[in-house]
C-alpha cells in the first residue's frame, strides 16, 4: 500500500505534500494572499478561544462544554474531528490513481459511523461523564481500568498528534517560504503552542467551536471545487467518469474493483484488515468518544451522529468529483510526478479549475485550500490534545493518583498542565520525526482503538459477566499486539517506503494488524473474564444497563 495515501488518510501528515514545484512557485507569487488568509483564521479562532475561556467555569464546562451543544452543532463538530485535510487530499489522490479501489476508503469511513450510532453513542452518553474510562469504572475496580484506559487513550492520541504536527510544520513552512531545518522546527513549535493554547484556555467549548468553523470551511471548499469540476464536464457525471478512465491509462478497469487491491491474496487480505480496523476503530477513538458527552441528552447524541453521517457522507461523495476530476483534468502522470502517493491531486485540480498555474484564480483556490488544511490540522490536534489531557486529569490524576480526593479546580488545572505536557511531547517528537512513516502511526492508532477500546466498551455495556480482569486483559493485550505486529510489518522495515528502509525484519506480511489484533482483543477480554469472577461488577450490571438505555441517573 505504498503508492496510495497510507492506510487511513484522516491521520496522514495533513499536507506534507500539498505543494508541488508548480504550486510552490505559485504560492511564492501570491504569498501575501496566503498569509492574510492564515492570519484571519488564526485571529478568528483565537477570538473564539478567549470567548470560550470566559464561559468555562467548572470541570463540566472544560471537559464537556457544559453539555450545552445541540445535536446539529455537535454533528458539525464530530464532522470537523473526523474529516481531516488528508481525507480531502488522500482520498482524492487514491481515487485519481486507482479509481474504484480508491473510493473504497470513503465507504469504510462512512460505514464506521453506523457502528458508532447503533452500538456506542447513546449508551456511552448515558453511562459516563467525561471519558471512556467512566463507563468501565462504573461497575469495576477504579484504579486498574482507569490506568489501562488512560494509557490507551494517551497512546492513540499521541500517535495521531505526531502525524498531524509533522504535516502542520511542513505545510506552514512551505506556504510561508520558510527555509532551513531550524526555521521549520520553529514553525512546528509555534503551531504546537497554538494547539496547546486552544485546549488549555478554551477547553471543550473553544475546541468545539473551532471544529465547527473548520467543518464549514472544509465542506465549503470541497463543494466549490466540486461545482467547478462538474461545470467543466457540463454536469454530466458519465462524461467525467469516461474521460477519467481514458486519461488513467487503465481504461474500463479504472472504474471496476481490483485495480489496487486485487493483485495478490496478500493485498486483498491487507485491505480486509484495513477495512475492519476502520469500521470498528472509529467507535473506539478517544477524541470521537468524548464528543458524545458535550450534548445534554442521549437523544441529542443520536441526533449528532445522524447529522455527522449526513455531513461526512456528502463530503465523501464529493471526493468522487475531486478524484475522478483530477484523473481527467490533471492526469495520473502529472500527479505522480508531483507526489507518488497522489496526495497533491486535489490542490493540482483546484489550480487547474481555478485558471491554471500562475493565474489569480488558481492562486486564490490554492490559498483557500491551504488555509482550510491549516484549519483542519489545528482542529484535529486540539481535539486529540483535549481527549488525552482529559483522560490524564480525570482518570489517572483524579481517580488513580489522588484516589478521588481531587477537587474540580485541581482536576481542571491538572488537565491544562497535561495539555501543555502532551503538547510539548508531541512538539519534541515531531521535530525529530522527519522520516516518520504515517502508515505506522495510522495502523497503531486505529488498531489500538479497535483492538483495545472497543472490545472493553462493548463487553462492559452488554455482558453481565465482564469484569476488571477481562478489561485489563483486553486493553493491554490489544495495545501490545497492535504495537508488536506493526513493528514487525512492512510499515517499519523491508521496503523503501518503510520507517527503517535499510533493514528487513518484517515477518508479519500485512501493513494493518487489525485482522489479527482486533479478534485477539475480544478473545483476551473473554479469557480474562472467564479466569475470575467479580460479584460486585455483576451486581452493578443491571443498574448500568438501565442507565445506558434510559439515561436515568446519568450526570
Protein backbone atom coordinates (compact mmCIF):
# COMPACT_ATOMS: atom_id res chain seq x y z
CA UNK A 1 0.00 0.00 0.00
CA UNK A 2 2.94 2.26 -0.54
CA UNK A 3 1.61 4.02 -3.56
CA UNK A 4 -1.56 5.48 -2.10
CA UNK A 5 -2.34 7.58 0.92
CA UNK A 6 -1.14 5.20 3.63
CA UNK A 7 -3.93 3.34 5.37
CA UNK A 8 -6.18 5.95 6.94
CA UNK A 9 -5.96 9.33 5.20
CA UNK A 10 -7.57 11.07 8.16
CA UNK A 11 -4.38 10.65 10.11
CA UNK A 12 -1.81 11.40 7.42
CA UNK A 13 0.57 14.31 7.90
CA UNK A 14 -2.18 16.56 6.67
CA UNK A 15 -0.42 18.49 3.98
CA UNK A 16 3.16 17.32 3.87
CA UNK A 17 2.93 17.14 0.13
CA UNK A 18 0.39 19.83 -0.51
CA UNK A 19 2.63 21.82 -2.79
CA UNK A 20 4.31 20.58 -5.92
CA UNK A 21 7.03 22.60 -7.61
CA UNK A 22 4.38 24.41 -9.61
CA UNK A 23 2.21 25.21 -6.63
CA UNK A 24 5.24 26.31 -4.59
CA UNK A 25 6.12 28.83 -7.27
CA UNK A 26 2.51 29.99 -7.40
CA UNK A 27 2.46 30.30 -3.63
CA UNK A 28 5.56 32.47 -3.75
CA UNK A 29 3.93 34.87 -6.20
CA UNK A 30 0.81 35.19 -4.04
CA UNK A 31 2.40 34.88 -0.60
CA UNK A 32 0.54 37.90 0.73
CA UNK A 33 -2.86 36.37 -0.01
CA UNK A 34 -1.92 33.12 1.72
CA UNK A 35 -0.50 34.86 4.79
CA UNK A 36 -3.63 37.03 5.02
CA UNK A 37 -5.94 34.01 4.98
CA UNK A 38 -3.83 32.26 7.62
CA UNK A 39 -3.83 35.37 9.82
CA UNK A 40 -7.60 35.80 9.51
CA UNK A 41 -8.24 32.21 10.54
CA UNK A 42 -5.80 32.28 13.46
CA UNK A 43 -7.24 35.58 14.72
CA UNK A 44 -10.81 34.28 14.45
CA UNK A 45 -10.07 31.05 16.27
CA UNK A 46 -8.11 32.81 18.99
CA UNK A 47 -11.10 35.12 19.47
CA UNK A 48 -13.35 32.07 19.84
CA UNK A 49 -10.93 30.54 22.36
CA UNK A 50 -10.81 33.68 24.51
CA UNK A 51 -14.62 33.93 24.45
CA UNK A 52 -14.93 30.25 25.42
CA UNK A 53 -12.47 30.72 28.30
CA UNK A 54 -14.81 33.29 29.83
CA UNK A 55 -17.68 30.77 29.65
CA UNK A 56 -15.69 27.95 31.26
CA UNK A 57 -16.39 27.85 34.99
CA UNK A 58 -16.10 24.20 36.13
CA UNK A 59 -14.98 20.71 35.10
CA UNK A 60 -18.15 20.04 33.10
CA UNK A 61 -17.52 23.18 31.05
CA UNK A 62 -13.86 22.29 30.46
CA UNK A 63 -14.34 18.59 29.64
CA UNK A 64 -17.78 18.61 28.02
CA UNK A 65 -18.54 22.20 27.05
CA UNK A 66 -21.21 22.37 29.74
CA UNK A 67 -23.18 19.74 27.76
CA UNK A 68 -24.68 22.77 26.02
CA UNK A 69 -24.27 21.88 22.34
CA UNK A 70 -27.24 20.89 20.20
CA UNK A 71 -27.31 17.72 18.13
CA UNK A 72 -26.65 19.72 14.94
CA UNK A 73 -23.76 21.67 16.46
CA UNK A 74 -22.18 18.51 17.83
CA UNK A 75 -22.72 16.78 14.48
CA UNK A 76 -20.73 19.54 12.81
CA UNK A 77 -18.02 19.27 15.46
CA UNK A 78 -17.84 15.48 15.06
CA UNK A 79 -17.52 16.00 11.32
CA UNK A 80 -14.74 18.51 11.95
CA UNK A 81 -12.98 15.97 14.17
CA UNK A 82 -13.32 13.19 11.59
CA UNK A 83 -12.81 14.92 8.22
CA UNK A 84 -9.22 16.00 8.03
CA UNK A 85 -7.47 17.78 5.22
CA UNK A 86 -5.78 14.48 4.46
CA UNK A 87 -9.17 12.93 3.81
CA UNK A 88 -9.58 15.71 1.29
CA UNK A 89 -6.08 15.15 -0.11
CA UNK A 90 -5.50 11.44 0.44
CA UNK A 91 -8.82 10.05 -0.79
CA UNK A 92 -8.87 12.36 -3.81
CA UNK A 93 -5.39 11.12 -4.67
CA UNK A 94 -6.30 7.46 -4.18
CA UNK A 95 -9.30 7.84 -6.49
CA UNK A 96 -7.27 9.74 -9.06
CA UNK A 97 -4.70 6.93 -9.24
CA UNK A 98 -6.79 3.81 -8.60
CA UNK A 99 -10.36 4.76 -9.43
CA UNK A 100 -12.91 2.45 -7.83
CA UNK A 101 -10.45 0.96 -5.34
CA UNK A 102 -9.53 4.44 -4.13
CA UNK A 103 -13.17 5.20 -3.37
CA UNK A 104 -13.33 2.13 -1.11
CA UNK A 105 -11.65 4.24 1.58
CA UNK A 106 -14.67 6.56 1.70
CA UNK A 107 -17.08 3.66 2.07
CA UNK A 108 -15.16 2.30 5.06
CA UNK A 109 -15.11 5.67 6.82
CA UNK A 110 -18.84 6.19 6.35
CA UNK A 111 -19.93 2.69 7.38
CA UNK A 112 -17.88 3.13 10.56
CA UNK A 113 -20.36 5.71 11.77
CA UNK A 114 -23.20 3.18 11.70
CA UNK A 115 -21.29 1.18 14.31
CA UNK A 116 -20.90 4.32 16.43
CA UNK A 117 -24.60 5.17 16.04
CA UNK A 118 -26.04 1.72 16.72
CA UNK A 119 -23.70 0.49 19.45
CA UNK A 120 -21.90 3.33 21.19
CA UNK A 121 -23.42 6.83 21.02
CA UNK A 122 -26.46 6.57 23.30
CA UNK A 123 -25.21 4.11 25.97
CA UNK A 124 -21.87 5.92 26.21
CA UNK A 125 -23.57 9.29 26.70
CA UNK A 126 -25.79 7.82 29.44
CA UNK A 127 -23.17 5.74 31.26
CA UNK A 128 -20.16 8.05 31.52
CA UNK A 129 -19.32 11.61 32.50
CA UNK A 130 -16.20 12.79 30.68
CA UNK A 131 -14.11 9.85 29.38
CA UNK A 132 -14.37 6.28 28.12
CA UNK A 133 -12.95 5.02 31.42
CA UNK A 134 -16.04 6.33 33.25
CA UNK A 135 -18.09 3.59 31.59
CA UNK A 136 -15.66 0.86 32.63
CA UNK A 137 -15.14 2.17 36.16
CA UNK A 138 -18.88 2.32 36.88
CA UNK A 139 -19.01 -1.35 37.83
CA UNK A 140 -15.35 -2.37 38.02
CA UNK A 141 -12.34 -1.56 40.18
CA UNK A 142 -11.37 2.04 39.54
CA UNK A 143 -7.59 2.05 39.55
CA UNK A 144 -6.79 -0.87 37.17
CA UNK A 145 -9.35 0.01 34.48
CA UNK A 146 -8.75 3.76 34.60
CA UNK A 147 -4.99 3.22 34.37
CA UNK A 148 -5.40 0.91 31.37
CA UNK A 149 -7.98 3.11 29.60
CA UNK A 150 -5.99 6.27 30.26
CA UNK A 151 -2.82 4.69 28.91
CA UNK A 152 -4.60 3.54 25.75
CA UNK A 153 -6.20 6.96 25.21
CA UNK A 154 -2.93 8.84 25.55
CA UNK A 155 -1.03 6.46 23.24
CA UNK A 156 -3.66 6.63 20.49
CA UNK A 157 -3.82 10.43 20.76
CA UNK A 158 -0.04 10.95 20.67
CA UNK A 159 0.39 8.84 17.52
CA UNK A 160 -2.30 10.91 15.83
CA UNK A 161 -0.73 14.11 17.11
CA UNK A 162 2.66 13.22 15.68
CA UNK A 163 1.24 12.72 12.21
CA UNK A 164 -0.69 15.98 12.34
CA UNK A 165 2.19 18.02 13.76
CA UNK A 166 4.67 16.84 11.13
CA UNK A 167 2.18 17.89 8.46
CA UNK A 168 1.44 21.20 10.13
CA UNK A 169 5.07 22.23 10.29
CA UNK A 170 5.77 21.27 6.70
CA UNK A 171 2.63 22.93 5.34
CA UNK A 172 3.20 26.26 7.06
CA UNK A 173 6.91 26.27 6.26
CA UNK A 174 6.24 25.72 2.55
CA UNK A 175 3.43 28.25 2.28
CA UNK A 176 5.24 30.97 4.18
CA UNK A 177 8.51 30.39 2.38
CA UNK A 178 10.40 29.29 5.49
CA UNK A 179 13.70 27.63 4.56
CA UNK A 180 16.16 25.63 6.60
CA UNK A 181 15.67 22.85 9.13
CA UNK A 182 15.92 25.18 12.12
CA UNK A 183 13.26 27.51 10.78
CA UNK A 184 10.91 24.61 10.05
CA UNK A 185 11.37 23.31 13.58
CA UNK A 186 10.46 26.75 14.87
CA UNK A 187 7.25 26.57 12.81
CA UNK A 188 6.41 23.22 14.45
CA UNK A 189 6.93 24.76 17.90
CA UNK A 190 4.68 27.74 17.06
CA UNK A 191 1.92 25.52 15.65
CA UNK A 192 2.16 23.27 18.70
CA UNK A 193 1.96 26.26 21.03
CA UNK A 194 -1.18 27.45 19.25
CA UNK A 195 -2.68 23.98 19.64
CA UNK A 196 -1.95 23.91 23.38
CA UNK A 197 -3.39 27.41 23.77
CA UNK A 198 -6.71 26.34 22.24
CA UNK A 199 -7.07 23.48 24.71
CA UNK A 200 -5.63 24.98 27.88
CA UNK A 201 -7.51 28.27 27.51
CA UNK A 202 -10.71 27.37 25.68
CA UNK A 203 -11.34 23.81 26.87
CA UNK A 204 -14.07 21.82 25.17
CA UNK A 205 -16.16 24.88 24.30
CA UNK A 206 -13.34 26.58 22.44
CA UNK A 207 -12.22 23.35 20.76
CA UNK A 208 -15.77 22.51 19.65
CA UNK A 209 -16.37 25.89 18.05
CA UNK A 210 -13.02 25.70 16.25
CA UNK A 211 -14.07 22.29 14.91
CA UNK A 212 -17.43 23.66 13.78
CA UNK A 213 -15.78 26.53 11.89
CA UNK A 214 -13.29 24.12 10.33
CA UNK A 215 -16.05 21.72 9.21
CA UNK A 216 -17.93 24.54 7.50
CA UNK A 217 -14.76 25.72 5.75
CA UNK A 218 -13.83 22.23 4.57
CA UNK A 219 -17.31 21.46 3.22
CA UNK A 220 -17.44 24.87 1.51
CA UNK A 221 -14.02 24.43 -0.11
CA UNK A 222 -14.81 20.91 -1.28
CA UNK A 223 -18.21 21.99 -2.62
CA UNK A 224 -16.66 24.90 -4.55
CA UNK A 225 -14.14 22.66 -6.32
CA UNK A 226 -16.80 20.01 -6.96
CA UNK A 227 -19.05 22.58 -8.64
CA UNK A 228 -16.18 23.86 -10.79
CA UNK A 229 -15.23 20.31 -11.83
CA UNK A 230 -18.80 19.29 -12.71
CA UNK A 231 -19.23 22.53 -14.63
CA UNK A 232 -16.17 21.67 -16.76
CA UNK A 233 -17.94 18.45 -17.80
CA UNK A 234 -21.34 20.02 -18.41
CA UNK A 235 -22.72 18.44 -15.23
CA UNK A 236 -22.50 15.07 -16.96
CA UNK A 237 -21.10 12.55 -14.47
CA UNK A 238 -20.88 9.80 -17.11
CA UNK A 239 -18.66 12.03 -19.22
CA UNK A 240 -16.48 12.78 -16.18
CA UNK A 241 -16.01 9.08 -15.40
CA UNK A 242 -15.40 8.19 -19.05
CA UNK A 243 -12.71 10.85 -19.54
CA UNK A 244 -11.11 9.92 -16.21
CA UNK A 245 -10.92 6.26 -17.28
CA UNK A 246 -9.41 7.23 -20.64
CA UNK A 247 -6.82 9.53 -19.04
CA UNK A 248 -5.90 6.96 -16.37
CA UNK A 249 -4.30 4.59 -18.86
CA UNK A 250 -6.27 1.68 -17.43
CA UNK A 251 -9.45 2.06 -19.45
CA UNK A 252 -12.59 0.38 -18.11
CA UNK A 253 -10.57 -1.33 -15.34
CA UNK A 254 -10.25 2.10 -13.69
CA UNK A 255 -13.97 2.01 -12.90
CA UNK A 256 -14.02 -1.58 -11.69
CA UNK A 257 -12.81 -3.32 -8.49
CA UNK A 258 -9.36 -4.87 -8.28
CA UNK A 259 -7.00 -2.29 -9.79
CA UNK A 260 -5.23 -1.70 -6.47
CA UNK A 261 -6.26 -4.48 -4.12
CA UNK A 262 -6.89 -7.41 -6.46
CA UNK A 263 -3.28 -8.10 -7.47
CA UNK A 264 -2.43 -10.73 -4.85
CA UNK A 265 -4.05 -12.56 -1.96
CA UNK A 266 -1.89 -10.51 0.42
CA UNK A 267 -3.17 -7.16 -0.87
CA UNK A 268 -6.74 -8.42 -0.67
CA UNK A 269 -6.22 -9.59 2.90
CA UNK A 270 -4.49 -6.32 3.76
CA UNK A 271 -7.46 -4.33 2.52
CA UNK A 272 -9.83 -6.55 4.51
CA UNK A 273 -7.70 -5.93 7.59
CA UNK A 274 -7.72 -2.18 6.94
CA UNK A 275 -11.49 -2.18 6.44
CA UNK A 276 -12.10 -3.98 9.72
CA UNK A 277 -9.86 -1.54 11.58
CA UNK A 278 -11.55 1.50 10.03
CA UNK A 279 -15.10 0.31 10.63
CA UNK A 280 -14.52 -0.82 14.22
CA UNK A 281 -11.77 1.61 15.22
CA UNK A 282 -13.83 4.75 14.74
CA UNK A 283 -16.21 3.77 17.56
CA UNK A 284 -13.22 3.46 19.89
CA UNK A 285 -11.30 6.65 19.03
CA UNK A 286 -10.93 8.76 22.22
CA UNK A 287 -11.39 12.16 20.57
CA UNK A 288 -14.60 10.92 18.91
CA UNK A 289 -15.98 9.28 22.08
CA UNK A 290 -15.64 12.43 24.20
CA UNK A 291 -17.86 14.31 21.77
CA UNK A 292 -20.89 12.34 22.96
CA UNK A 293 -20.58 13.98 26.39
CA UNK A 294 -21.00 17.52 25.03
CA UNK A 295 -24.76 17.20 24.40
CA UNK A 296 -27.49 17.40 27.07
CA UNK A 297 -29.34 14.15 26.31
CA UNK A 298 -28.91 10.72 24.73
CA UNK A 299 -31.37 11.77 22.05
CA UNK A 300 -29.10 14.68 21.16
CA UNK A 301 -26.18 12.24 20.99
CA UNK A 302 -28.06 10.12 18.44
CA UNK A 303 -29.06 13.24 16.53
CA UNK A 304 -25.46 14.46 16.41
CA UNK A 305 -24.31 11.14 14.92
CA UNK A 306 -27.09 11.29 12.31
CA UNK A 307 -26.01 14.80 11.33
CA UNK A 308 -22.38 13.64 11.23
CA UNK A 309 -23.30 10.73 8.94
CA UNK A 310 -25.08 13.12 6.57
CA UNK A 311 -22.30 15.71 6.52
CA UNK A 312 -19.47 13.17 6.26
CA UNK A 313 -21.40 11.21 3.61
CA UNK A 314 -21.87 14.35 1.50
CA UNK A 315 -18.18 15.16 1.87
CA UNK A 316 -17.03 11.73 0.73
CA UNK A 317 -19.46 11.77 -2.19
CA UNK A 318 -17.83 14.99 -3.34
CA UNK A 319 -14.43 13.31 -3.26
CA UNK A 320 -15.67 11.31 -6.27
CA UNK A 321 -15.76 14.51 -8.32
CA UNK A 322 -12.39 15.56 -6.94
CA UNK A 323 -10.65 12.25 -7.56
CA UNK A 324 -12.04 11.46 -10.98
CA UNK A 325 -11.80 15.14 -11.91
CA UNK A 326 -8.10 15.13 -11.06
CA UNK A 327 -7.60 11.98 -13.13
CA UNK A 328 -9.36 13.55 -16.13
CA UNK A 329 -8.09 17.14 -15.95
CA UNK A 330 -4.64 16.81 -14.38
CA UNK A 331 -3.70 13.24 -15.28
CA UNK A 332 -2.07 10.48 -13.22
CA UNK A 333 1.40 11.17 -14.63
CA UNK A 334 1.38 14.79 -13.54
CA UNK A 335 0.00 13.81 -10.14
CA UNK A 336 2.61 11.10 -9.50
CA UNK A 337 5.42 13.36 -10.69
CA UNK A 338 4.32 15.81 -8.00
CA UNK A 339 3.87 13.11 -5.35
CA UNK A 340 3.98 9.33 -5.80
CA UNK A 341 1.18 8.80 -3.27
CA UNK A 342 -1.17 11.11 -5.18
CA UNK A 343 -1.69 13.49 -2.26
CA UNK A 344 -1.31 16.58 -4.45
CA UNK A 345 -4.24 15.61 -6.70
CA UNK A 346 -6.73 17.96 -5.02
CA UNK A 347 -4.56 21.12 -4.97
CA UNK A 348 -3.42 20.48 -8.55
CA UNK A 349 -7.07 20.11 -9.54
CA UNK A 350 -8.01 23.31 -7.70
CA UNK A 351 -5.26 25.15 -9.51
CA UNK A 352 -6.44 23.75 -12.84
CA UNK A 353 -10.15 24.59 -12.43
CA UNK A 354 -9.22 27.99 -10.99
CA UNK A 355 -7.40 29.01 -14.15
CA UNK A 356 -4.12 27.14 -14.11
CA UNK A 357 -0.61 27.76 -12.78
CA UNK A 358 0.24 31.46 -12.50
CA UNK A 359 -3.36 32.64 -12.71
CA UNK A 360 -5.02 34.66 -9.99
CA UNK A 361 -7.91 32.21 -9.79
CA UNK A 362 -5.56 29.27 -9.36
CA UNK A 363 -3.61 31.09 -6.66
CA UNK A 364 -6.79 32.02 -4.80
CA UNK A 365 -8.05 28.44 -4.77
CA UNK A 366 -4.63 27.18 -3.68
CA UNK A 367 -4.59 29.72 -0.85
CA UNK A 368 -8.11 28.75 0.23
CA UNK A 369 -7.25 25.04 0.27
CA UNK A 370 -4.08 25.75 2.22
CA UNK A 371 -5.96 27.79 4.82
CA UNK A 372 -8.59 25.04 5.12
CA UNK A 373 -5.84 22.43 5.55
CA UNK A 374 -4.29 24.54 8.29
CA UNK A 375 -7.68 24.95 9.96
CA UNK A 376 -8.14 21.21 9.81
CA UNK A 377 -4.79 20.50 11.43
CA UNK A 378 -5.47 22.88 14.32
CA UNK A 379 -8.96 21.48 14.90
CA UNK A 380 -7.84 17.85 14.85
CA UNK A 381 -4.81 18.35 17.10
CA UNK A 382 -6.87 20.39 19.54
CA UNK A 383 -9.44 17.59 19.78
CA UNK A 384 -6.75 14.97 20.28
CA UNK A 385 -4.93 17.02 22.90
CA UNK A 386 -8.14 17.66 24.81
CA UNK A 387 -9.10 13.96 24.80
CA UNK A 388 -5.70 12.83 26.08
CA UNK A 389 -5.32 15.61 28.68
CA UNK A 390 -8.85 14.99 29.97
CA UNK A 391 -8.10 11.29 30.32
CA UNK A 392 -4.90 12.03 32.23
CA UNK A 393 -6.53 14.53 34.59
CA UNK A 394 -9.86 12.76 35.16
CA UNK A 395 -8.75 9.12 35.04
CA UNK A 396 -5.10 8.99 36.06
CA UNK A 397 -4.65 12.04 38.26
CA UNK A 398 -8.02 12.45 39.99
CA UNK A 399 -9.04 8.80 40.35
CA UNK A 400 -5.78 6.80 40.36
CA UNK A 401 -3.11 9.07 41.84
CA UNK A 402 -5.37 11.21 44.06
CA UNK A 403 -7.87 8.35 44.67
CA UNK A 404 -10.93 10.53 44.11
CA UNK A 405 -9.85 13.28 46.51
CA UNK A 406 -9.07 15.93 43.87
CA UNK A 407 -11.49 18.86 43.66
CA UNK A 408 -12.85 20.20 40.36
CA UNK A 409 -10.45 23.14 40.29
CA UNK A 410 -7.48 20.87 40.88
CA UNK A 411 -8.68 18.46 38.19
CA UNK A 412 -9.11 21.21 35.59
CA UNK A 413 -5.66 22.58 36.45
CA UNK A 414 -4.22 19.09 36.01
CA UNK A 415 -5.92 18.85 32.61
CA UNK A 416 -4.44 22.18 31.49
CA UNK A 417 -0.96 21.21 32.65
CA UNK A 418 -1.39 17.82 30.95
CA UNK A 419 -2.33 19.59 27.71
CA UNK A 420 0.89 21.58 27.92
CA UNK A 421 2.94 18.45 28.70
CA UNK A 422 1.34 16.32 25.97
CA UNK A 423 1.69 19.17 23.50
CA UNK A 424 5.36 19.54 24.44
CA UNK A 425 5.95 15.80 23.92
CA UNK A 426 4.24 15.96 20.51
CA UNK A 427 6.30 19.01 19.55
CA UNK A 428 9.61 17.43 20.57
CA UNK A 429 8.86 14.12 18.84
CA UNK A 430 7.61 15.95 15.73
CA UNK A 431 10.82 17.94 15.47
CA UNK A 432 12.82 14.72 15.17
CA UNK A 433 10.22 12.87 13.10
CA UNK A 434 11.26 14.00 9.64
CA UNK A 435 11.29 10.40 8.34
CA UNK A 436 8.25 9.31 10.32
CA UNK A 437 6.04 6.96 8.32
CA UNK A 438 2.39 7.98 8.63
CA UNK A 439 1.26 4.41 7.97
CA UNK A 440 2.84 3.26 11.23
CA UNK A 441 1.01 5.95 13.19
CA UNK A 442 -2.29 5.23 11.48
CA UNK A 443 -2.07 1.48 11.92
CA UNK A 444 -1.27 1.87 15.60
CA UNK A 445 -3.98 4.44 16.32
CA UNK A 446 -6.81 2.55 14.64
CA UNK A 447 -5.62 -0.89 15.68
CA UNK A 448 -5.37 0.15 19.33
CA UNK A 449 -8.78 1.81 19.22
CA UNK A 450 -10.42 -1.22 17.61
CA UNK A 451 -8.43 -3.88 19.50
CA UNK A 452 -8.38 -2.41 22.99
CA UNK A 453 -11.01 0.30 23.44
CA UNK A 454 -13.96 -1.09 21.52
CA UNK A 455 -13.97 -4.65 22.98
CA UNK A 456 -13.91 -3.32 26.55
CA UNK A 457 -16.69 -0.83 25.82
CA UNK A 458 -18.97 -3.40 24.19
CA UNK A 459 -18.29 -6.09 26.79
CA UNK A 460 -18.87 -3.63 29.63
CA UNK A 461 -22.14 -2.36 28.17
CA UNK A 462 -23.63 -5.65 27.01
CA UNK A 463 -22.05 -8.55 29.00
CA UNK A 464 -23.03 -9.01 32.64
CA UNK A 465 -20.14 -11.37 33.46
CA UNK A 466 -17.44 -8.98 32.18
CA UNK A 467 -15.07 -7.92 34.94
CA UNK A 468 -11.94 -5.94 35.79
CA UNK A 469 -9.52 -8.69 34.76
CA UNK A 470 -11.23 -9.00 31.37
CA UNK A 471 -10.99 -5.24 30.79
CA UNK A 472 -7.30 -5.12 31.69
CA UNK A 473 -6.50 -8.17 29.54
CA UNK A 474 -8.38 -6.69 26.57
CA UNK A 475 -6.86 -3.20 26.72
CA UNK A 476 -3.26 -4.17 27.36
CA UNK A 477 -3.48 -7.22 25.06
CA UNK A 478 -4.92 -5.17 22.20
CA UNK A 479 -2.33 -2.46 22.75
CA UNK A 480 0.63 -4.85 22.88
CA UNK A 481 -0.46 -6.97 19.89
CA UNK A 482 -1.08 -3.89 17.74
CA UNK A 483 2.32 -2.40 18.53
CA UNK A 484 4.21 -5.66 18.00
CA UNK A 485 2.54 -6.53 14.70
CA UNK A 486 3.17 -3.07 13.29
CA UNK A 487 6.82 -3.15 14.44
CA UNK A 488 7.32 -6.42 12.54
CA UNK A 489 5.32 -5.37 9.46
CA UNK A 490 6.39 -3.83 6.11
CA UNK A 491 5.40 -0.45 7.56
CA UNK A 492 8.57 -0.39 9.69
CA UNK A 493 11.07 -2.38 7.59
CA UNK A 494 11.52 -4.41 4.45
CA UNK A 495 10.81 -1.87 1.71
CA UNK A 496 11.91 1.57 0.50
CA UNK A 497 8.93 3.44 1.97
CA UNK A 498 9.30 1.81 5.42
CA UNK A 499 10.19 3.68 8.57
CA UNK A 500 13.61 1.92 8.57
CA UNK A 501 14.25 1.32 4.86
CA UNK A 502 17.73 -0.18 5.26
CA UNK A 503 16.62 -3.15 7.36
CA UNK A 504 14.26 -6.08 6.96
CA UNK A 505 12.74 -7.81 10.00
CA UNK A 506 9.15 -7.78 8.70
CA UNK A 507 7.83 -11.28 9.33
CA UNK A 508 4.19 -10.07 9.52
CA UNK A 509 3.10 -9.55 5.87
CA UNK A 510 0.21 -7.09 6.38
CA UNK A 511 0.51 -3.35 6.85
CA UNK A 512 -2.55 -3.17 9.08
CA UNK A 513 -2.75 -5.64 12.01
CA UNK A 514 -6.50 -5.27 12.54
CA UNK A 515 -7.48 -8.67 11.19
CA UNK A 516 -5.33 -10.29 13.92
CA UNK A 517 -5.24 -7.81 16.81
CA UNK A 518 -8.98 -6.98 16.88
CA UNK A 519 -10.19 -10.59 17.33
CA UNK A 520 -7.32 -11.03 19.80
CA UNK A 521 -8.56 -8.05 21.84
CA UNK A 522 -12.04 -9.56 22.04
CA UNK A 523 -10.59 -13.01 22.82
CA UNK A 524 -8.35 -11.73 25.62
CA UNK A 525 -11.29 -9.90 27.16
CA UNK A 526 -13.24 -13.17 27.12
CA UNK A 527 -10.36 -15.21 28.56
CA UNK A 528 -9.58 -12.67 31.28
CA UNK A 529 -13.22 -12.58 32.34
CA UNK A 530 -13.54 -16.36 32.50
CA UNK A 531 -10.37 -16.69 34.59
CA UNK A 532 -12.03 -14.97 37.53
CA UNK A 533 -15.34 -13.71 38.84
CA UNK A 534 -16.25 -10.27 40.13
CA UNK A 535 -19.55 -10.40 42.01
CA UNK A 536 -19.65 -6.64 42.53
CA UNK A 537 -19.27 -5.99 38.80
CA UNK A 538 -22.09 -8.41 38.02
CA UNK A 539 -24.31 -6.93 40.74
CA UNK A 540 -23.98 -3.43 39.28
CA UNK A 541 -24.65 -4.54 35.70
CA UNK A 542 -28.43 -4.17 35.99
CA UNK A 543 -28.07 -0.61 37.23
CA UNK A 544 -25.69 0.21 34.40
CA UNK A 545 -28.00 -1.41 31.84
CA UNK A 546 -30.93 0.73 32.98
CA UNK A 547 -28.78 3.85 32.92
CA UNK A 548 -27.32 3.11 29.47
CA UNK A 549 -30.75 2.53 27.96
CA UNK A 550 -32.79 5.22 29.70
CA UNK A 551 -30.31 7.81 30.97
CA UNK A 552 -31.78 7.53 34.47
CA UNK A 553 -29.26 8.85 36.98
CA UNK A 554 -26.80 9.97 34.31
CA UNK A 555 -24.76 13.07 35.23
